[in-house]
Protein backbone atom coordinates (compact mmCIF):
# COMPACT_ATOMS: atom_id res chain seq x y z
CA UNK A 1 -13.89 12.04 -19.44
CA UNK A 2 -12.76 8.27 -19.04
CA UNK A 3 -9.89 7.71 -16.26
CA UNK A 4 -7.13 5.49 -17.57
CA UNK A 5 -3.84 4.39 -15.89
CA UNK A 6 -2.18 6.88 -17.93
CA UNK A 7 -4.32 9.82 -17.32
CA UNK A 8 -3.48 9.25 -13.47
CA UNK A 9 0.05 8.72 -14.31
CA UNK A 10 -0.17 12.42 -15.85
CA UNK A 11 -1.75 13.70 -13.08
CA UNK A 12 1.29 12.26 -11.00
CA UNK A 13 3.68 13.34 -13.48
CA UNK A 14 2.15 17.10 -13.01
CA UNK A 15 2.56 17.04 -9.42
CA UNK A 16 6.14 16.10 -9.65
CA UNK A 17 7.26 18.88 -11.83
CA UNK A 18 5.81 21.40 -9.81
CA UNK A 19 7.61 19.76 -6.70
CA UNK A 20 11.09 20.48 -8.15
CA UNK A 21 10.60 24.23 -7.34
CA UNK A 22 10.22 23.27 -3.64
CA UNK A 23 13.56 20.70 -3.93
CA UNK A 24 15.48 22.42 -1.06
CA UNK A 25 12.88 22.68 1.58
CA UNK A 26 11.24 19.15 1.02
CA UNK A 27 14.68 17.43 1.40
CA UNK A 28 15.07 19.54 4.49
CA UNK A 29 11.69 18.84 6.19
CA UNK A 30 12.74 15.01 5.38
CA UNK A 31 16.02 15.19 6.77
CA UNK A 32 13.96 16.81 10.13
CA UNK A 33 11.65 14.45 10.42
CA UNK A 34 11.10 12.57 13.47
CA UNK A 35 11.58 8.53 13.18
CA UNK A 36 8.58 6.82 11.96
CA UNK A 37 6.83 4.32 13.72
CA UNK A 38 8.81 1.00 11.89
CA UNK A 39 6.41 -0.81 9.09
CA UNK A 40 7.78 -4.29 9.43
CA UNK A 41 6.74 -4.36 13.27
CA UNK A 42 3.57 -3.38 13.04
CA UNK A 43 2.44 -6.02 10.47
CA UNK A 44 4.16 -8.89 12.84
CA UNK A 45 1.61 -11.07 14.56
CA UNK A 46 -0.22 -14.82 13.92
CA UNK A 47 -3.11 -13.31 12.54
CA UNK A 48 -3.50 -10.94 9.63
CA UNK A 49 -2.79 -7.50 10.00
CA UNK A 50 -5.48 -5.05 8.78
CA UNK A 51 -3.99 -2.00 6.77
CA UNK A 52 -6.85 0.06 6.91
CA UNK A 53 -7.35 2.77 4.52
CA UNK A 54 -8.22 6.56 4.33
CA UNK A 55 -9.94 6.86 0.77
CA UNK A 56 -12.37 9.53 0.29
CA UNK A 57 -13.30 8.47 -3.91
CA UNK A 58 -11.82 6.19 -6.57
CA UNK A 59 -11.63 6.29 -10.64
CA UNK A 60 -13.68 2.95 -10.41
CA UNK A 61 -15.96 3.42 -7.89
CA UNK A 62 -16.24 7.23 -7.66
CA UNK A 63 -17.24 8.82 -4.22
CA UNK A 64 -16.82 6.63 -1.68
CA UNK A 65 -16.70 9.08 1.80
CA UNK A 66 -15.94 12.58 0.34
CA UNK A 67 -16.62 14.19 3.70
CA UNK A 68 -14.43 11.52 5.78
CA UNK A 69 -12.21 13.36 8.00
CA UNK A 70 -8.77 11.70 8.07
CA UNK A 71 -7.95 11.41 11.53
CA UNK A 72 -11.03 10.64 13.07
CA UNK A 73 -11.33 7.89 10.74
CA UNK A 74 -7.54 6.70 12.02
CA UNK A 75 -8.48 7.06 15.12
CA UNK A 76 -11.54 4.24 14.48
CA UNK A 77 -9.39 2.40 12.52
CA UNK A 78 -6.85 1.56 15.40
CA UNK A 79 -9.48 1.14 17.77
CA UNK A 80 -11.27 -1.54 15.76
CA UNK A 81 -7.52 -3.09 15.77
CA UNK A 82 -5.82 -1.88 12.16
CA UNK A 83 -2.26 -3.07 12.49
CA UNK A 84 -1.08 -0.23 9.94
CA UNK A 85 -3.13 2.68 8.13
CA UNK A 86 -2.58 3.68 4.64
CA UNK A 87 -3.81 7.14 3.09
CA UNK A 88 -3.98 8.23 -0.08
CA UNK A 89 -2.42 11.18 -1.04
CA UNK A 90 -3.67 11.62 -4.63
CA UNK A 91 -5.82 14.32 -5.38
CA UNK A 92 -6.69 14.44 -8.67
CA UNK A 93 -8.43 11.27 -8.64
CA UNK A 94 -8.58 9.91 -5.50
CA UNK A 95 -9.52 13.15 -3.21
CA UNK A 96 -6.50 12.97 -0.96
CA UNK A 97 -3.42 14.99 -0.51
CA UNK A 98 -0.35 15.04 1.95
CA UNK A 99 -2.24 16.98 4.28
CA UNK A 100 -4.55 14.08 4.86
CA UNK A 101 -1.06 11.94 5.86
CA UNK A 102 0.48 14.53 8.10
CA UNK A 103 -3.06 15.01 9.90
CA UNK A 104 -3.17 11.03 10.14
CA UNK A 105 0.53 11.04 11.84
CA UNK A 106 -0.60 13.36 14.25
CA UNK A 107 -3.43 11.44 15.07
CA UNK A 108 -2.25 7.70 15.75
CA UNK A 109 1.21 5.88 16.45
CA UNK A 110 0.63 2.90 14.24
CA UNK A 111 2.90 2.79 10.35
CA UNK A 112 1.58 4.74 8.10
CA UNK A 113 1.79 4.05 4.31
CA UNK A 114 1.69 6.55 1.76
CA UNK A 115 -0.24 5.03 -1.21
CA UNK A 116 0.13 6.94 -4.09
CA UNK A 117 1.78 6.89 -7.89
CA UNK A 118 5.77 7.47 -6.43
CA UNK A 119 7.46 8.34 -9.80
CA UNK A 120 10.28 10.45 -8.48
CA UNK A 121 12.65 10.60 -5.34
CA UNK A 122 11.25 13.89 -4.16
CA UNK A 123 8.03 12.11 -3.59
CA UNK A 124 9.99 9.66 -1.40
CA UNK A 125 11.11 12.66 0.38
CA UNK A 126 7.99 14.41 1.08
CA UNK A 127 6.45 11.02 2.54
CA UNK A 128 9.15 10.87 4.82
CA UNK A 129 8.81 14.59 6.00
CA UNK A 130 5.23 13.73 6.47
CA UNK A 131 5.09 10.92 8.56
CA UNK A 132 5.13 7.56 6.58
CA UNK A 133 6.86 4.61 7.32
CA UNK A 134 6.42 2.92 4.31
CA UNK A 135 5.79 3.99 0.52
CA UNK A 136 3.61 1.99 -2.10
CA UNK A 137 5.82 1.32 -5.32
CA UNK A 138 3.97 -0.40 -8.47
CA UNK A 139 5.88 -2.41 -10.29
CA UNK A 140 3.02 -2.05 -13.42
CA UNK A 141 3.94 1.99 -13.69
CA UNK A 142 7.90 2.13 -13.47
CA UNK A 143 10.73 0.87 -15.23
CA UNK A 144 13.07 -1.50 -13.70
CA UNK A 145 15.67 0.67 -13.32
CA UNK A 146 13.57 3.76 -12.01
CA UNK A 147 12.00 0.94 -9.88
CA UNK A 148 15.38 0.00 -8.33
CA UNK A 149 16.55 3.31 -7.84
CA UNK A 150 13.17 4.59 -6.27
CA UNK A 151 13.82 1.54 -3.75
CA UNK A 152 17.29 2.46 -2.58
CA UNK A 153 16.44 6.24 -2.06
CA UNK A 154 13.37 4.74 -0.30
CA UNK A 155 15.61 2.67 2.14
CA UNK A 156 18.72 5.27 2.56
CA UNK A 157 15.40 7.51 3.99
CA UNK A 158 14.23 5.21 6.24
CA UNK A 159 11.21 4.00 3.98
CA UNK A 160 9.91 0.46 4.04
CA UNK A 161 8.82 -0.46 0.62
CA UNK A 162 5.20 -2.07 -0.32
CA UNK A 163 6.00 -3.01 -3.65
CA UNK A 164 2.58 -4.05 -5.76
CA UNK A 165 2.68 -6.56 -8.15
CA UNK A 166 -0.08 -8.36 -10.21
CA UNK A 167 1.69 -11.14 -12.35
CA UNK A 168 4.62 -13.80 -11.48
CA UNK A 169 6.83 -11.87 -13.52
CA UNK A 170 6.50 -8.70 -11.81
CA UNK A 171 6.87 -10.74 -8.46
CA UNK A 172 10.27 -11.99 -9.65
CA UNK A 173 11.59 -8.28 -10.29
CA UNK A 174 9.91 -7.28 -6.81
CA UNK A 175 11.74 -9.76 -4.96
CA UNK A 176 14.93 -8.58 -6.64
CA UNK A 177 14.49 -5.67 -4.54
CA UNK A 178 14.34 -7.38 -1.35
CA UNK A 179 11.84 -5.29 0.08
CA UNK A 180 10.05 -5.20 3.57
CA UNK A 181 6.76 -6.21 2.34
CA UNK A 182 5.34 -7.34 -1.27
CA UNK A 183 1.27 -6.32 -1.96
CA UNK A 184 -0.46 -8.63 -4.50
CA UNK A 185 -2.81 -6.58 -6.12
CA UNK A 186 -6.69 -8.17 -7.42
CA UNK A 187 -7.21 -4.85 -9.10
CA UNK A 188 -6.26 -4.51 -12.89
CA UNK A 189 -4.99 -1.32 -13.38
CA UNK A 190 -5.58 -0.96 -17.21
CA UNK A 191 -9.79 -2.31 -16.63
CA UNK A 192 -9.91 -1.46 -12.74
CA UNK A 193 -11.59 -4.68 -12.38
CA UNK A 194 -10.94 -7.01 -9.19
CA UNK A 195 -10.87 -10.38 -9.30
CA UNK A 196 -9.97 -11.80 -5.94
CA UNK A 197 -9.07 -15.06 -7.49
CA UNK A 198 -6.33 -14.06 -9.61
CA UNK A 199 -4.09 -12.92 -6.74
CA UNK A 200 -3.88 -16.53 -5.48
CA UNK A 201 -1.16 -17.94 -7.46
CA UNK A 202 1.21 -14.75 -6.71
CA UNK A 203 0.31 -14.63 -2.91
CA UNK A 204 1.33 -18.23 -2.52
CA UNK A 205 4.67 -17.89 -4.73
CA UNK A 206 5.95 -14.42 -2.31
CA UNK A 207 8.66 -15.72 0.01
CA UNK A 208 8.17 -16.47 3.22
CA UNK A 209 10.51 -13.98 4.47
CA UNK A 210 8.85 -10.83 2.60
CA UNK A 211 5.30 -9.80 4.08
CA UNK A 212 2.61 -10.17 1.69
CA UNK A 213 0.00 -8.07 1.63
CA UNK A 214 -3.55 -9.06 0.06
CA UNK A 215 -4.68 -5.69 -1.95
CA UNK A 216 -8.37 -5.13 -3.57
CA UNK A 217 -11.86 -6.80 -3.53
CA UNK A 218 -11.69 -7.77 0.33
CA UNK A 219 -14.81 -6.82 1.99
CA UNK A 220 -15.86 -9.44 4.29
CA UNK A 221 -14.01 -12.33 6.79
CA UNK A 222 -15.07 -15.06 4.11
CA UNK A 223 -12.37 -12.74 1.69
CA UNK A 224 -10.19 -12.31 4.76
CA UNK A 225 -10.06 -16.27 5.41
CA UNK A 226 -9.50 -17.18 1.52
CA UNK A 227 -6.21 -14.89 0.98
CA UNK A 228 -5.25 -15.98 4.48
CA UNK A 229 -5.26 -20.02 2.52
CA UNK A 230 -3.26 -18.50 0.22
CA UNK A 231 -0.57 -17.16 2.04
CA UNK A 232 -1.53 -13.77 2.73
CA UNK A 233 0.16 -12.21 6.06
CA UNK A 234 -2.00 -8.88 5.86
CA UNK A 235 -4.73 -7.53 4.01
CA UNK A 236 -5.36 -3.60 2.42
CA UNK A 237 -8.85 -2.61 2.92
CA UNK A 238 -9.94 0.62 1.10
CA UNK A 239 -13.58 1.38 0.65
CA UNK A 240 -15.13 -1.67 2.51
CA UNK A 241 -14.21 0.55 5.38
CA UNK A 242 -14.26 4.02 4.26
CA UNK A 243 -18.04 3.46 3.28
CA UNK A 244 -18.83 1.68 7.26
CA UNK A 245 -21.38 3.62 9.25
CA UNK A 246 -18.56 2.34 12.04
CA UNK A 247 -15.06 1.89 10.84
CA UNK A 248 -14.36 0.59 14.36
CA UNK A 249 -16.69 -2.32 14.14
CA UNK A 250 -15.69 -2.94 10.20
CA UNK A 251 -11.90 -3.34 11.55
CA UNK A 252 -13.09 -5.55 14.24
CA UNK A 253 -15.16 -7.64 11.51
CA UNK A 254 -11.93 -8.51 9.54
CA UNK A 255 -9.33 -8.77 12.25
CA UNK A 256 -8.37 -12.03 14.28
CA UNK A 257 -7.69 -14.65 11.19
CA UNK A 258 -4.88 -16.52 11.77
CA UNK A 259 -1.87 -16.56 9.59
CA UNK A 260 -1.27 -20.19 7.38
CA UNK A 261 1.94 -19.24 6.12
CA UNK A 262 3.29 -20.23 2.70
CA UNK A 263 5.35 -23.50 1.86
CA UNK A 264 7.12 -22.36 -0.85
CA UNK A 265 10.88 -21.12 -0.80
CA UNK A 266 12.84 -18.64 -3.11
CA UNK A 267 14.51 -21.09 -4.87
CA UNK A 268 11.57 -23.11 -5.37
CA UNK A 269 9.63 -19.96 -6.55
CA UNK A 270 12.55 -19.15 -8.93
CA UNK A 271 12.48 -22.84 -10.46
CA UNK A 272 8.73 -22.59 -10.80
CA UNK A 273 8.96 -19.43 -12.88
CA UNK A 274 11.85 -20.57 -14.77
CA UNK A 275 9.57 -23.93 -15.74
CA UNK A 276 6.80 -21.40 -17.20
């Protein structure tokens, strides 16, 4: 069976329906959870932050590291210099789980991103309960009102937001939420194809006061240097690290590239957008 974005979202919706029977206990667990490491602090520095991802498989690549132990990989990532860790928790298509996030939270002290298809506030509560510092919100899969609501709830729960975009129009909407970070994904969510060059224009347009994260298609130091030249502050790397026989060494090889910054201001970016 061919995996599509819609089939992934259908699975996410089904899981949300199951969560609703446990609303009370999930919300209580979120209220009782200890404060997580600060996302924004973890992504500061003079060099690009490596956000290393715990990832077993994907719809496009198939099995990547099916026997991966999340805690062991997380410790190796941190030993190699990762400033934050992303944990894929979608089970149906990526082989992850909320238990993976909990295991990583117990193993390391760097900020954690829960990477999933977040569609409902209950998923934010369970993210908080499991130890996440931040959550991924994907503009492509959320209506504007839904995106704004989820962003507000995340803020109320003390969760930072990595708002993912693919185009300048999506970036406009993301910026209006005043998120801590914006992810520019080089992967087309409809075809799953990656085109790293496609991220350049959008990365350059991210306001300088927001952390810009380059996502997908990054495997080598040359790739890191390219996105640094486009203004990225951080990189999110999954497949290349999950497949590495020595994850710590691979993270170290991608680390240490200096940040270049972005010259565009928010007003300049809006002017450019209006001129299109």
